[in-house]
Protein backbone atom coordinates (compact mmCIF):
# COMPACT_ATOMS: atom_id res chain seq x y z
CA MET A 1 -12.27 6.72 28.70
CA LYS A 2 -9.13 7.02 29.24
CA ILE A 3 -6.14 6.98 26.79
CA LYS A 4 -2.64 5.70 28.31
CA VAL A 5 0.80 6.76 26.18
CA LEU A 6 2.61 3.67 25.88
CA GLY A 7 5.19 5.46 23.34
CA ALA A 8 6.24 8.53 21.66
CA GLY A 9 5.47 10.68 24.56
CA GLY A 10 7.31 13.01 27.10
CA GLY A 11 9.77 14.16 24.64
CA GLU A 12 10.07 10.91 22.85
CA VAL A 13 9.78 10.75 18.67
CA THR A 14 9.55 7.16 18.28
CA GLY A 15 7.81 4.01 19.73
CA SER A 16 4.21 5.11 18.87
CA ALA A 17 1.77 3.37 21.13
CA TYR A 18 -1.58 4.43 22.91
CA LEU A 19 -4.19 2.18 25.04
CA VAL A 20 -7.72 3.32 24.56
CA GLU A 21 -9.65 1.80 27.07
CA THR A 22 -13.46 2.06 27.89
CA ASP A 23 -15.54 0.03 30.13
CA HIS A 24 -16.17 -2.45 27.61
CA ALA A 25 -13.15 -2.49 25.37
CA ARG A 26 -9.46 -2.22 24.92
CA ILE A 27 -7.72 -1.32 21.87
CA LEU A 28 -4.18 -0.45 20.65
CA VAL A 29 -3.54 2.55 18.49
CA ASP A 30 -0.07 1.70 16.71
CA CYS A 31 2.50 -0.39 18.22
CA GLY A 32 5.99 1.42 17.24
CA ILE A 33 9.49 0.48 18.43
CA PHE A 34 11.72 2.81 20.24
CA GLN A 35 14.84 3.55 18.15
CA GLY A 36 18.00 5.63 18.92
CA GLY A 37 20.63 3.47 21.02
CA LYS A 38 20.67 1.21 24.56
CA GLN A 39 18.14 3.39 26.45
CA ALA A 40 15.67 2.87 23.47
CA VAL A 41 16.34 -0.84 23.39
CA ALA A 42 15.39 -1.49 27.28
CA MET A 43 12.15 0.61 26.34
CA ASN A 44 11.04 -2.14 23.80
CA ARG A 45 8.88 -4.33 26.04
CA PHE A 46 5.41 -4.04 27.00
CA ASP A 47 3.73 -4.86 30.60
CA LEU A 48 1.61 -7.38 30.03
CA LYS A 49 -1.22 -5.79 31.73
CA ASP A 50 -1.49 -3.15 29.22
CA VAL A 51 -1.96 -5.28 26.35
CA SER A 52 -3.50 -8.10 27.88
CA ASN A 53 -7.02 -8.53 26.54
CA LEU A 54 -6.90 -6.25 23.37
CA ASP A 55 -9.89 -6.57 21.20
CA ALA A 56 -7.85 -4.95 18.15
CA VAL A 57 -4.72 -3.06 17.13
CA LEU A 58 -5.21 0.12 14.52
CA VAL A 59 -1.74 0.94 12.61
CA THR A 60 -1.69 4.50 11.27
CA HIS A 61 1.13 3.41 8.83
CA ALA A 62 4.22 1.21 8.18
CA HIS A 63 7.11 2.80 9.68
CA LEU A 64 8.84 0.61 12.19
CA ASP A 65 8.51 3.55 15.08
CA HIS A 66 5.15 2.65 14.69
CA THR A 67 4.78 -0.81 13.91
CA GLY A 68 8.24 -2.44 15.16
CA ARG A 69 6.29 -4.08 18.45
CA LEU A 70 3.48 -5.95 16.61
CA PRO A 71 5.35 -9.04 16.89
CA LEU A 72 5.83 -8.55 20.57
CA LEU A 73 2.00 -8.97 21.14
CA SER A 74 2.53 -12.80 19.57
CA LYS A 75 5.21 -13.25 21.70
CA LEU A 76 3.18 -12.15 24.45
CA GLY A 77 0.39 -14.34 23.29
CA VAL A 78 -2.21 -11.55 22.69
CA PRO A 79 -4.47 -12.52 19.89
CA ALA A 80 -5.90 -9.58 18.65
CA PRO A 81 -6.38 -8.46 14.85
CA VAL A 82 -4.52 -5.79 13.63
CA PHE A 83 -6.51 -3.19 10.92
CA CYS A 84 -4.88 -1.05 8.61
CA THR A 85 -5.00 0.32 4.77
CA GLN A 86 -3.96 -2.07 2.30
CA ALA A 87 -0.75 -0.38 1.37
CA THR A 88 0.05 0.06 5.10
CA LEU A 89 -0.44 -4.29 5.30
CA GLU A 90 1.77 -4.79 2.38
CA LEU A 91 4.27 -2.47 3.41
CA THR A 92 4.38 -3.51 7.21
CA SER A 93 4.65 -6.83 6.20
CA LEU A 94 8.04 -6.22 4.20
CA ILE A 95 9.23 -4.01 6.85
CA LEU A 96 8.82 -6.50 9.68
CA ARG A 97 10.01 -9.29 8.10
CA ASP A 98 13.51 -7.28 7.39
CA SER A 99 13.17 -6.31 11.04
CA ALA A 100 13.28 -9.56 12.04
CA HIS A 101 16.23 -10.78 9.65
CA VAL A 102 18.55 -7.51 10.86
CA GLN A 103 17.67 -8.17 14.78
CA GLU A 104 18.88 -12.14 14.18
CA MET A 105 21.72 -10.87 12.79
CA ASP A 106 22.88 -8.54 15.12
CA THR A 107 21.91 -10.86 17.65
CA ASN A 108 24.25 -13.68 16.16
CA ARG A 109 27.13 -11.29 15.86
CA VAL A 110 26.58 -9.94 19.76
CA ASN A 111 26.31 -14.06 20.63
CA ARG A 112 29.76 -14.84 19.03
CA LYS A 113 31.35 -12.27 21.02
CA ARG A 114 29.30 -13.41 24.19
CA GLN A 115 30.41 -17.24 23.76
CA ARG A 116 34.10 -16.19 23.07
CA ALA A 117 34.05 -14.51 26.36
CA GLY A 118 31.95 -17.76 28.17
CA MET A 119 28.46 -15.70 28.50
CA ARG A 120 25.27 -17.13 27.78
CA ALA A 121 23.51 -16.37 24.62
CA ILE A 122 20.89 -13.38 24.36
CA GLN A 123 17.79 -13.86 22.27
CA PRO A 124 16.31 -11.32 19.48
CA LEU A 125 13.51 -9.31 20.69
CA VAL A 126 11.13 -11.11 18.30
CA SER A 127 11.51 -14.10 16.13
CA HIS A 128 10.41 -14.94 12.36
CA GLU A 129 7.61 -17.01 13.70
CA ASP A 130 6.46 -13.81 16.15
CA THR A 131 6.93 -11.81 12.72
CA GLU A 132 4.79 -14.10 10.72
CA ASP A 133 2.00 -14.73 13.01
CA ILE A 134 1.42 -11.13 13.57
CA ILE A 135 1.59 -10.29 9.41
CA GLY A 136 -0.92 -13.30 9.44
CA ARG A 137 -3.43 -11.15 11.54
CA LEU A 138 -3.09 -7.99 9.50
CA ILE A 139 -6.59 -7.06 8.24
CA ALA A 140 -6.84 -4.28 5.47
CA GLN A 141 -9.74 -1.52 5.39
CA PRO A 142 -10.35 0.79 2.58
CA TYR A 143 -9.96 4.73 3.29
CA ASP A 144 -13.08 6.82 4.87
CA SER A 145 -15.35 3.69 5.82
CA GLN A 146 -16.46 2.82 9.00
CA LEU A 147 -15.22 -0.50 10.65
CA PRO A 148 -16.78 -1.85 14.18
CA VAL A 149 -13.34 -2.77 15.76
CA ALA A 150 -14.47 -3.53 19.32
CA PRO A 151 -17.55 -3.42 21.52
CA GLY A 152 -18.62 0.41 21.12
CA ILE A 153 -16.10 1.58 19.05
CA LYS A 154 -15.86 2.31 15.07
CA ALA A 155 -12.82 3.53 13.35
CA SER A 156 -12.24 4.74 9.87
CA PHE A 157 -8.79 5.71 8.20
CA ALA A 158 -8.43 9.03 6.37
CA GLU A 159 -5.37 10.06 3.93
CA ALA A 160 -2.29 11.73 5.97
CA GLY A 161 -0.15 12.29 3.10
CA HIS A 162 3.11 10.73 4.98
CA MET A 163 3.81 7.62 2.80
CA LEU A 164 2.03 5.18 0.81
CA GLY A 165 -1.08 3.86 2.95
CA SER A 166 -0.71 6.32 5.70
CA SER A 167 -3.83 7.24 7.44
CA CYS A 168 -5.14 9.32 10.29
CA ILE A 169 -7.37 7.41 12.44
CA GLN A 170 -10.75 8.39 13.71
CA LEU A 171 -12.61 6.66 16.76
CA SER A 172 -16.19 7.18 17.26
CA ILE A 173 -16.69 5.73 20.68
CA GLU A 174 -19.65 5.19 22.84
CA ASP A 175 -18.57 5.98 26.45
CA GLN A 176 -21.13 5.92 29.23
CA GLY A 177 -24.11 6.54 26.95
CA ARG A 178 -22.26 9.15 24.85
CA MET A 179 -20.60 9.31 21.63
CA LYS A 180 -17.15 10.98 21.43
CA LYS A 181 -15.07 11.18 18.69
CA VAL A 182 -11.01 10.72 18.95
CA ILE A 183 -8.68 11.29 16.47
CA PHE A 184 -4.83 10.24 15.74
CA SER A 185 -2.84 12.14 13.57
CA GLY A 186 -0.17 9.54 13.09
CA ASP A 187 2.44 11.00 10.99
CA LEU A 188 1.48 14.04 8.81
CA GLY A 189 3.11 14.77 5.41
CA PRO A 190 3.62 18.07 3.79
CA LYS A 191 1.29 19.48 1.26
CA GLY A 192 2.23 19.21 -2.30
CA ALA A 193 4.83 16.52 -1.73
CA PRO A 194 5.24 14.19 -5.09
CA ILE A 195 3.51 10.85 -5.55
CA LEU A 196 1.08 11.18 -2.64
CA LYS A 197 -2.12 12.89 -2.03
CA ASP A 198 -2.28 16.01 0.74
CA PHE A 199 -3.45 14.74 3.93
CA GLU A 200 -7.58 14.88 4.28
CA GLU A 201 -9.31 17.47 6.14
CA LEU A 202 -10.88 16.53 9.09
CA HIS A 203 -13.30 18.91 10.81
CA THR A 204 -15.12 17.15 14.02
CA ALA A 205 -13.17 15.34 17.30
CA ASP A 206 -13.71 15.90 20.96
CA ALA A 207 -10.03 14.82 21.31
CA VAL A 208 -7.14 14.60 19.00
CA PHE A 209 -3.80 13.12 19.47
CA MET A 210 -1.61 15.23 17.02
CA GLU A 211 2.17 14.58 16.16
CA THR A 212 4.49 17.25 16.69
CA THR A 213 8.08 16.29 14.88
CA TYR A 214 8.57 19.48 13.10
CA GLY A 215 6.37 21.64 15.22
CA ASP A 216 9.04 24.42 15.36
CA ARG A 217 10.28 24.87 12.10
CA ASP A 218 9.44 24.49 8.41
CA HIS A 219 11.20 22.53 5.68
CA LYS A 220 12.95 24.57 2.69
CA PRO A 221 10.41 24.61 -0.46
CA LEU A 222 10.37 21.42 -2.37
CA ASP A 223 10.29 23.42 -5.74
CA GLU A 224 13.75 25.03 -4.56
CA THR A 225 15.17 21.27 -3.29
CA VAL A 226 14.41 19.86 -6.60
CA ASN A 227 16.16 22.84 -8.37
CA GLU A 228 19.32 22.38 -6.14
CA PHE A 229 19.13 18.75 -6.86
CA ILE A 230 19.00 18.95 -10.65
CA SER A 231 21.87 21.52 -10.45
CA ILE A 232 24.33 19.07 -8.55
CA VAL A 233 23.28 16.47 -10.65
CA LYS A 234 24.33 18.24 -14.01
CA THR A 235 27.47 19.47 -12.28
CA ALA A 236 28.08 15.59 -11.74
CA VAL A 237 27.24 14.43 -15.11
CA ALA A 238 29.46 17.05 -17.32
CA ALA A 239 32.41 15.78 -15.02
CA ARG A 240 31.50 12.28 -15.47
CA GLY A 241 31.30 11.85 -11.96
CA LYS A 242 29.35 9.24 -9.71
CA ILE A 243 26.70 10.30 -7.90
CA LEU A 244 25.60 8.31 -4.74
CA ILE A 245 22.74 9.01 -2.45
CA PRO A 246 22.14 7.11 0.75
CA THR A 247 18.44 6.25 0.37
CA PHE A 248 15.65 4.95 2.71
CA ALA A 249 14.31 1.66 1.61
CA VAL A 250 10.46 2.97 1.58
CA GLY A 251 9.41 6.39 0.75
CA ARG A 252 12.66 8.32 -0.07
CA ALA A 253 13.95 5.73 -2.80
CA GLN A 254 10.90 6.34 -4.45
CA LEU A 255 10.43 9.63 -4.19
CA MET A 256 13.89 10.21 -5.93
CA ILE A 257 13.13 7.90 -8.59
CA SER A 258 10.21 9.64 -9.45
CA ILE A 259 12.28 13.11 -9.60
CA LEU A 260 14.69 11.51 -11.76
CA ALA A 261 11.94 10.32 -13.90
CA SER A 262 10.62 14.15 -14.49
CA MET A 263 14.09 15.09 -14.66
CA PHE A 264 14.58 13.32 -17.51
CA ARG A 265 11.66 13.79 -19.31
CA ALA A 266 12.32 17.56 -18.99
CA ARG A 267 15.45 17.14 -20.58
CA HIS A 268 17.32 19.02 -17.80
CA VAL A 269 20.48 15.84 -18.50
CA PRO A 270 20.43 13.16 -20.83
CA PRO A 271 19.58 9.73 -19.20
CA PHE A 272 22.41 8.22 -17.63
CA PRO A 273 22.57 4.71 -15.68
CA ILE A 274 20.95 4.68 -12.40
CA PHE A 275 21.21 1.92 -9.93
CA LEU A 276 18.66 0.90 -7.29
CA ASP A 277 20.82 -0.97 -5.01
CA SER A 278 18.70 -2.18 -2.15
CA PRO A 279 16.48 -5.39 -2.10
CA MET A 280 13.78 -3.87 0.26
CA ALA A 281 13.68 -0.51 -2.07
CA ILE A 282 13.08 -2.79 -5.00
CA ASP A 283 10.29 -4.36 -3.07
CA ALA A 284 8.98 -1.20 -1.62
CA SER A 285 8.81 0.19 -5.15
CA LYS A 286 7.23 -2.71 -6.52
CA ILE A 287 4.04 -1.71 -4.20
CA TYR A 288 4.41 1.92 -4.85
CA PHE A 289 3.97 0.74 -8.57
CA ASN A 290 0.80 -1.48 -7.89
CA HIS A 291 -1.25 1.08 -5.83
CA LYS A 292 -1.83 4.17 -8.31
CA GLU A 293 -5.08 4.70 -6.85
CA LEU A 294 -3.11 6.59 -4.12
CA TYR A 295 -0.98 8.62 -6.27
CA ASP A 296 -1.95 12.38 -6.32
CA GLU A 297 -3.70 14.24 -9.52
CA GLU A 298 0.10 15.30 -10.87
CA LEU A 299 1.70 11.98 -11.04
CA LEU A 300 -1.53 10.54 -12.69
CA GLU A 301 -1.22 12.76 -14.95
CA PHE A 302 2.48 12.55 -15.74
CA ILE A 303 2.03 8.72 -15.96
CA LYS A 304 -1.11 9.22 -18.20
CA GLN A 305 1.28 11.26 -20.73
CA LYS A 306 3.81 8.26 -20.82
CA PRO A 307 4.51 5.38 -18.74
CA LEU A 308 6.93 6.14 -15.62
CA MET A 309 9.10 3.56 -16.84
CA GLU A 310 9.63 4.87 -20.27
CA ASP A 311 11.56 7.88 -18.48
CA LEU A 312 13.44 5.41 -16.51
CA ALA A 313 14.92 3.14 -19.09
CA SER A 314 18.19 3.78 -17.50
CA LEU A 315 17.12 2.45 -14.03
CA LYS A 316 18.63 -0.87 -13.21
CA MET A 317 17.18 -3.22 -10.05
CA CYS A 318 20.36 -4.67 -8.21
CA PRO A 319 18.63 -7.50 -5.98
CA SER A 320 21.80 -9.59 -5.36
CA ALA A 321 25.43 -9.17 -4.10
CA GLU A 322 27.01 -9.83 -7.35
CA ASP A 323 24.69 -7.17 -8.77
CA SER A 324 25.79 -4.52 -6.19
CA ILE A 325 29.52 -5.88 -6.80
CA ALA A 326 29.44 -5.02 -10.78
CA ILE A 327 28.23 -1.16 -9.94
CA ASN A 328 32.08 -0.71 -9.32
CA LYS A 329 33.03 -1.30 -12.77
CA VAL A 330 30.81 0.92 -14.39
CA PRO A 331 32.32 4.24 -15.16
CA GLY A 332 30.79 7.74 -14.63
CA PRO A 333 28.36 9.41 -14.97
CA MET A 334 25.99 7.39 -13.02
CA MET A 335 24.09 7.54 -9.78
CA VAL A 336 23.88 4.85 -6.93
CA LEU A 337 20.50 4.73 -4.94
CA ALA A 338 21.58 2.55 -1.67
CA GLY A 339 20.78 1.93 1.92
CA ALA A 340 21.01 2.69 4.68
CA GLY A 341 19.79 6.32 4.85
CA MET A 342 21.93 7.32 7.65
CA CYS A 343 25.04 5.38 6.01
CA ASN A 344 25.52 3.39 9.18
CA ALA A 345 24.84 -0.02 7.46
CA GLY A 346 23.82 -1.75 4.33
CA ARG A 347 25.35 -1.34 0.48
CA ILE A 348 26.09 2.22 0.48
CA LEU A 349 28.93 1.51 3.11
CA HIS A 350 30.86 -0.49 0.31
CA HIS A 351 29.91 2.48 -2.17
CA LEU A 352 31.20 4.95 0.06
CA LYS A 353 34.58 2.78 0.22
CA TYR A 354 35.24 2.92 -2.95
CA ASN A 355 34.28 6.47 -4.02
CA LEU A 356 34.80 9.07 -1.24
CA TRP A 357 38.55 9.33 -2.08
CA LYS A 358 37.71 10.31 -5.38
CA PRO A 359 37.36 14.25 -6.13
CA GLU A 360 34.86 13.53 -8.89
CA THR A 361 32.54 11.84 -6.77
CA HIS A 362 29.16 13.64 -5.16
CA VAL A 363 27.33 12.12 -2.40
CA ILE A 364 23.80 13.80 -1.77
CA ILE A 365 22.47 13.41 1.62
CA VAL A 366 18.52 13.77 1.34
CA GLY A 367 17.28 12.35 5.00
CA TYR A 368 17.75 12.95 8.54
CA GLN A 369 21.15 12.14 9.69
CA GLY A 370 21.23 10.45 13.16
CA SER A 371 23.76 11.74 15.78
CA GLY A 372 26.77 9.35 15.60
CA THR A 373 25.81 7.85 12.25
CA LEU A 374 28.67 7.96 9.30
CA GLY A 375 26.09 10.03 7.26
CA ARG A 376 26.13 12.73 9.89
CA ARG A 377 29.97 12.74 10.10
CA LEU A 378 29.90 13.26 6.47
CA VAL A 379 27.57 16.13 6.77
CA ASP A 380 29.61 17.87 9.53
CA GLY A 381 32.61 18.00 6.90
CA ALA A 382 34.82 15.34 8.28
CA GLU A 383 38.08 14.98 6.62
CA LYS A 384 38.31 11.44 6.88
CA VAL A 385 36.00 8.40 8.10
CA ARG A 386 36.21 4.72 9.11
CA ILE A 387 34.60 2.38 6.86
CA PHE A 388 35.04 -1.76 7.75
CA GLY A 389 38.36 -0.47 9.94
CA GLU A 390 40.01 1.12 6.91
CA GLU A 391 40.70 5.12 6.94
CA ILE A 392 39.10 6.97 3.93
CA ALA A 393 39.88 10.14 2.95
CA VAL A 394 36.57 12.58 2.24
CA LYS A 395 37.54 13.92 -1.21
CA ALA A 396 34.12 13.66 -2.54
CA THR A 397 31.87 16.94 -2.36
CA ILE A 398 28.87 16.26 0.15
CA HIS A 399 25.46 17.93 -0.65
CA THR A 400 22.83 18.25 2.10
CA LEU A 401 19.41 18.81 0.61
CA GLY A 402 16.68 19.21 3.57
CA GLY A 403 13.68 19.65 1.59
CA PHE A 404 12.83 16.12 0.72
CA SER A 405 11.24 15.59 4.32
CA ALA A 406 8.06 13.07 4.66
CA HIS A 407 6.82 14.96 7.60
CA ALA A 408 4.74 18.22 7.76
CA GLY A 409 6.52 21.15 8.91
CA GLN A 410 4.94 23.81 10.93
CA LYS A 411 2.91 25.76 8.78
CA ASP A 412 1.38 22.31 7.61
CA LEU A 413 0.83 21.23 11.01
CA LEU A 414 -1.03 24.10 11.80
CA ASP A 415 -3.20 24.00 8.90
CA TRP A 416 -4.19 20.43 9.53
CA PHE A 417 -4.97 21.32 12.93
CA SER A 418 -7.07 24.55 11.42
CA HIS A 419 -9.95 22.47 10.22
CA LEU A 420 -10.50 21.12 13.79
CA ALA A 421 -10.23 24.04 16.02
CA PRO A 422 -13.98 25.09 15.45
CA ALA A 423 -14.76 22.06 17.36
CA LYS A 424 -12.79 22.86 20.31
CA PRO A 425 -11.47 19.35 21.03
CA LYS A 426 -9.12 18.52 23.88
CA LEU A 427 -5.69 18.73 22.35
CA VAL A 428 -2.71 16.12 23.31
CA LEU A 429 0.47 16.98 21.45
CA ILE A 430 2.86 13.80 21.23
CA HIS A 431 5.48 12.56 18.99
CA GLY A 432 7.90 15.05 19.47
CA GLU A 433 10.89 16.54 21.36
CA ASP A 434 9.81 18.95 23.73
CA ILE A 435 10.79 22.14 22.20
CA PRO A 436 8.63 21.32 18.64
CA ARG A 437 5.88 20.38 20.51
CA LYS A 438 5.60 22.99 22.98
CA THR A 439 6.48 25.48 20.19
CA LEU A 440 3.51 24.29 18.34
CA GLY A 441 1.44 24.22 21.10
CA SER A 442 2.27 27.85 22.06
CA MET A 443 1.07 28.62 18.51
CA ILE A 444 -2.13 26.83 18.33
CA MET A 445 -2.91 28.30 21.84
CA GLU A 446 -2.35 31.93 19.96
CA ARG A 447 -4.07 31.10 17.20
CA PHE A 448 -6.97 29.25 18.15
CA GLY A 449 -7.05 29.36 21.55
CA THR A 450 -6.80 25.78 22.43
CA GLU A 451 -4.52 24.91 25.41
CA ALA A 452 -2.38 21.64 24.59
CA ILE A 453 -1.74 18.96 27.02
CA TYR A 454 1.83 17.19 26.86
CA PRO A 455 1.31 13.71 28.18
CA SER A 456 4.85 11.76 29.61
CA MET A 457 5.27 8.07 29.13
CA ASN A 458 2.94 6.07 30.44
CA GLU A 459 0.48 8.81 31.50
CA GLU A 460 -3.12 8.11 31.14
CA VAL A 461 -5.18 10.97 29.73
CA SER A 462 -9.01 11.03 30.68
CA LEU A 463 -11.74 11.83 28.30
């Protein structure tokens, strides 16, 4: 048996994909897209020999860096079924359709420039037809039940605590007359995060493929971050200012809504208008609301006392462009949650254009801001920024809250592995830049005596 790293290896964080091959079967665990510039775009192709004759694909969770290349399988004529949890199925469908739409819009814009230059048109990475075909092959499976997915391979999904429906995947593999268990951590969530259950403890494995995104550091404690958020909101409300929150549509938007509900119920501030200005976040929130069986005990008790929407009576959904434009006429205090999370596209740009230059405005950054994005320039203290070709003075107060991450920090990563360490598995560290994954590997060696492997892209790991 061998496992080939087709993404999120060699210090790369995106593009998760791992080909598991035995004498009798070939399956793919995750099929993510590479993100982060022209080099990443060039990597978003499969060598057909790597994905031909697949028996199945297993998906840990819905984020694009774990699902974004799934439509390529349809494009290449690979007919394998795709297994995941029910919530992952629903969120993956939403995310892949949005991704296909964005790719089509981007390609049309590029082709208009190419046409004016007398150049041939290009095609998007995947089409809507490819996307709909692969969505039609998604098959939902319950947590903690063994499923035969290929000759000699059974799989089960365990809670990972990262996003709704996220899972660690456990493979039981018959290889040359022996049974071996291989675990893929997927992305692990922080313990104690709102909404979601903590990751499930796993105890036996012959090999572990483990993410290391934040292997070199811990996040600021969540309760401190929430208190800081409440303090900012109080200040803005007292000054009758507007609060803008660039928000990732899946996960972060729902987290902020749950915190606002708790804040209103505790009477930290009286309810004020909140606008969820993102069609995708609205659809994702409906999926979250429909999966109460995945909530943690704290949230279940919270909604048992009173329905969540009673606390959120001042929340308005804004699906249309007209709804979004109308927000500009609403006086403060008020709050806008809008994408994109890094301020590199989407409706948040319009709200920033109309409000960044006002001293009473507060912008709260609640997620990672990539290098070169407008969000990063705001975090770094830019005095002026360009939005839609217009120079805008930054007079608003910019707040950066780093404790809302959906990823486990170093302490929680070590805790997750501690339950597997007594089994002495072969440990393969993936999905992390070199410093985080090697820092975590050193700590695991020191604490548990397990030496890690650090595979490069396209490297094969033999078991």
